[in-house]
Amino acid sequence: MDIRCRKGKCVHNNNQTCMYKNLQIGNATECKDFNPDPDKYVEDYTKTMLEKPPKIAPFKNIHKYDLHCDATNCIFNKDNKCLSNGITIQSLEKGTECLNFFEK
């Protein structure tokens, strides 16, 4: 399980990895747990993520995480739980979005 996040100023973000264990994705595929930290300074990796990827995150056991998903038409949603092997949260100007959404 790999939970990548490009929202670098979130309190749950540690080196582009989400450390929150009860992550919730809303019906419109937005991350509901984004919590900005006004004092956190991070380098913007979004433009160079493929050229210089961040450190590989340690393996996380999916059974130790509660990845709740309300996007009912996503192929990874099973009874409102995300069963994807990894997800990436995209940083947007006005919010966040799960990039692993695939419509059924």
C-alpha atoms as a PDB file:
ATOM      1  CA  MET A   1       0.000   0.000   0.000  1.00  0.00           C
ATOM      2  CA  ASP A   2       1.441   3.317  -1.063  1.00  0.00           C
ATOM      3  CA  ILE A   3      -0.423   6.554  -0.311  1.00  0.00           C
ATOM      4  CA  ARG A   4       1.241   9.405  -2.170  1.00  0.00           C
ATOM      5  CA  CYS A   5       0.136  12.988  -1.686  1.00  0.00           C
ATOM      6  CA  ARG A   6       1.128  16.061  -3.645  1.00  0.00           C
ATOM      7  CA  LYS A   7      -0.508  18.393  -1.119  1.00  0.00           C
ATOM      8  CA  GLY A   8       2.779  19.153   0.633  1.00  0.00           C
ATOM      9  CA  LYS A   9       1.457  21.605   3.216  1.00  0.00           C
ATOM     10  CA  CYS A  10      -0.992  19.121   4.749  1.00  0.00           C
ATOM     11  CA  VAL A  11      -0.249  18.121   8.346  1.00  0.00           C
ATOM     12  CA  HIS A  12      -0.534  14.445   7.319  1.00  0.00           C
ATOM     13  CA  ASN A  13       2.056  14.753   4.526  1.00  0.00           C
ATOM     14  CA  ASN A  14       5.566  13.487   5.236  1.00  0.00           C
ATOM     15  CA  ASN A  15       7.913  13.699   2.227  1.00  0.00           C
ATOM     16  CA  GLN A  16       5.017  13.309  -0.251  1.00  0.00           C
ATOM     17  CA  THR A  17       3.582  10.349   1.676  1.00  0.00           C
ATOM     18  CA  CYS A  18       0.255  10.493   3.514  1.00  0.00           C
ATOM     19  CA  MET A  19       0.654   9.283   7.085  1.00  0.00           C
ATOM     20  CA  TYR A  20      -3.038   9.480   8.003  1.00  0.00           C
ATOM     21  CA  LYS A  21      -4.534   6.072   8.764  1.00  0.00           C
ATOM     22  CA  ASN A  22      -8.232   6.926   8.321  1.00  0.00           C
ATOM     23  CA  LEU A  23      -8.151   8.606   4.921  1.00  0.00           C
ATOM     24  CA  GLN A  24     -11.537   9.457   3.387  1.00  0.00           C
ATOM     25  CA  ILE A  25     -12.203  10.070  -0.298  1.00  0.00           C
ATOM     26  CA  GLY A  26     -15.471  11.856  -1.063  1.00  0.00           C
ATOM     27  CA  ASN A  27     -18.049  11.174  -3.756  1.00  0.00           C
ATOM     28  CA  ALA A  28     -16.377  13.713  -6.067  1.00  0.00           C
ATOM     29  CA  THR A  29     -13.002  11.938  -5.464  1.00  0.00           C
ATOM     30  CA  GLU A  30     -11.755  14.736  -3.186  1.00  0.00           C
ATOM     31  CA  CYS A  31      -9.580  14.063  -0.144  1.00  0.00           C
ATOM     32  CA  LYS A  32     -11.727  14.943   2.850  1.00  0.00           C
ATOM     33  CA  ASP A  33      -8.814  14.843   5.308  1.00  0.00           C
ATOM     34  CA  PHE A  34      -6.678  17.623   3.851  1.00  0.00           C
ATOM     35  CA  ASN A  35      -5.617  19.720   6.825  1.00  0.00           C
ATOM     36  CA  PRO A  36      -3.316  22.630   5.911  1.00  0.00           C
ATOM     37  CA  ASP A  37      -0.476  23.606   8.211  1.00  0.00           C
ATOM     38  CA  PRO A  38       0.272  27.323   7.669  1.00  0.00           C
ATOM     39  CA  ASP A  39       3.742  26.973   9.223  1.00  0.00           C
ATOM     40  CA  LYS A  40       4.857  24.021   7.087  1.00  0.00           C
ATOM     41  CA  TYR A  41       7.316  24.773   4.306  1.00  0.00           C
ATOM     42  CA  VAL A  42       7.818  22.139   1.659  1.00  0.00           C
ATOM     43  CA  GLU A  43       9.414  22.091  -1.737  1.00  0.00           C
ATOM     44  CA  ASP A  44       6.922  21.869  -4.611  1.00  0.00           C
ATOM     45  CA  TYR A  45       7.563  18.459  -6.215  1.00  0.00           C
ATOM     46  CA  THR A  46       4.553  18.495  -8.512  1.00  0.00           C
ATOM     47  CA  LYS A  47       6.453  19.714 -11.583  1.00  0.00           C
ATOM     48  CA  THR A  48       9.453  17.408 -11.172  1.00  0.00           C
ATOM     49  CA  MET A  49       7.836  14.353  -9.591  1.00  0.00           C
ATOM     50  CA  LEU A  50       8.553  12.097 -12.565  1.00  0.00           C
ATOM     51  CA  GLU A  51      12.042  13.491 -13.176  1.00  0.00           C
ATOM     52  CA  LYS A  52      13.143  13.285  -9.548  1.00  0.00           C
ATOM     53  CA  PRO A  53      10.694  11.139  -7.589  1.00  0.00           C
ATOM     54  CA  PRO A  54      10.562  11.468  -3.810  1.00  0.00           C
ATOM     55  CA  LYS A  55      11.896   8.714  -1.597  1.00  0.00           C
ATOM     56  CA  ILE A  56      10.062   5.406  -1.776  1.00  0.00           C
ATOM     57  CA  ALA A  57       7.610   5.097   1.051  1.00  0.00           C
ATOM     58  CA  PRO A  58       7.756   2.087   3.360  1.00  0.00           C
ATOM     59  CA  PHE A  59       5.210  -0.652   2.674  1.00  0.00           C
ATOM     60  CA  LYS A  60       1.946  -0.143   4.486  1.00  0.00           C
ATOM     61  CA  ASN A  61      -0.387  -3.034   5.220  1.00  0.00           C
ATOM     62  CA  ILE A  62      -3.814  -2.144   3.750  1.00  0.00           C
ATOM     63  CA  HIS A  63      -5.530  -3.916   6.666  1.00  0.00           C
ATOM     64  CA  LYS A  64      -4.043  -1.406   9.145  1.00  0.00           C
ATOM     65  CA  TYR A  65      -5.559   1.538   7.272  1.00  0.00           C
ATOM     66  CA  ASP A  66      -9.144   2.653   6.937  1.00  0.00           C
ATOM     67  CA  LEU A  67      -9.358   4.031   3.402  1.00  0.00           C
ATOM     68  CA  HIS A  68     -12.973   5.095   3.160  1.00  0.00           C
ATOM     69  CA  CYS A  69     -14.274   5.983  -0.303  1.00  0.00           C
ATOM     70  CA  ASP A  70     -17.630   7.476  -1.265  1.00  0.00           C
ATOM     71  CA  ALA A  71     -16.914   7.392  -5.017  1.00  0.00           C
ATOM     72  CA  THR A  72     -19.415   4.594  -5.625  1.00  0.00           C
ATOM     73  CA  ASN A  73     -18.660   4.316  -9.352  1.00  0.00           C
ATOM     74  CA  CYS A  74     -14.919   3.646  -8.871  1.00  0.00           C
ATOM     75  CA  ILE A  75     -13.654   0.122  -9.629  1.00  0.00           C
ATOM     76  CA  PHE A  76     -11.514   0.124  -6.444  1.00  0.00           C
ATOM     77  CA  ASN A  77     -14.486   0.867  -4.173  1.00  0.00           C
ATOM     78  CA  LYS A  78     -15.828  -2.222  -2.398  1.00  0.00           C
ATOM     79  CA  ASP A  79     -18.453  -1.460   0.253  1.00  0.00           C
ATOM     80  CA  ASN A  80     -17.036   2.066   0.655  1.00  0.00           C
ATOM     81  CA  LYS A  81     -13.475   0.797   1.205  1.00  0.00           C
ATOM     82  CA  CYS A  82     -10.653   1.521  -1.246  1.00  0.00           C
ATOM     83  CA  LEU A  83      -8.991  -1.720  -2.377  1.00  0.00           C
ATOM     84  CA  SER A  84      -6.326  -0.157  -4.593  1.00  0.00           C
ATOM     85  CA  ASN A  85      -2.690  -1.148  -3.921  1.00  0.00           C
ATOM     86  CA  GLY A  86      -1.829   2.531  -3.756  1.00  0.00           C
ATOM     87  CA  ILE A  87      -3.358   5.923  -4.280  1.00  0.00           C
ATOM     88  CA  THR A  88      -2.072   9.375  -5.176  1.00  0.00           C
ATOM     89  CA  ILE A  89      -3.758  12.575  -4.057  1.00  0.00           C
ATOM     90  CA  GLN A  90      -3.271  15.368  -6.599  1.00  0.00           C
ATOM     91  CA  SER A  91      -2.699  18.935  -5.480  1.00  0.00           C
ATOM     92  CA  LEU A  92      -5.138  21.309  -7.113  1.00  0.00           C
ATOM     93  CA  GLU A  93      -5.497  25.076  -6.770  1.00  0.00           C
ATOM     94  CA  LYS A  94      -8.812  24.806  -4.931  1.00  0.00           C
ATOM     95  CA  GLY A  95      -8.612  21.359  -3.390  1.00  0.00           C
ATOM     96  CA  THR A  96      -7.448  17.778  -3.691  1.00  0.00           C
ATOM     97  CA  GLU A  97      -8.385  14.826  -5.881  1.00  0.00           C
ATOM     98  CA  CYS A  98      -7.721  11.093  -5.877  1.00  0.00           C
ATOM     99  CA  LEU A  99      -5.896  10.210  -9.121  1.00  0.00           C
ATOM    100  CA  ASN A 100      -6.702   6.496  -8.841  1.00  0.00           C
ATOM    101  CA  PHE A 101     -10.367   6.927  -9.672  1.00  0.00           C
ATOM    102  CA  PHE A 102     -11.398   4.597 -12.490  1.00  0.00           C
ATOM    103  CA  GLU A 103     -15.041   4.551 -13.439  1.00  0.00           C
ATOM    104  CA  LYS A 104     -16.810   1.179 -13.485  1.00  0.00           C
END
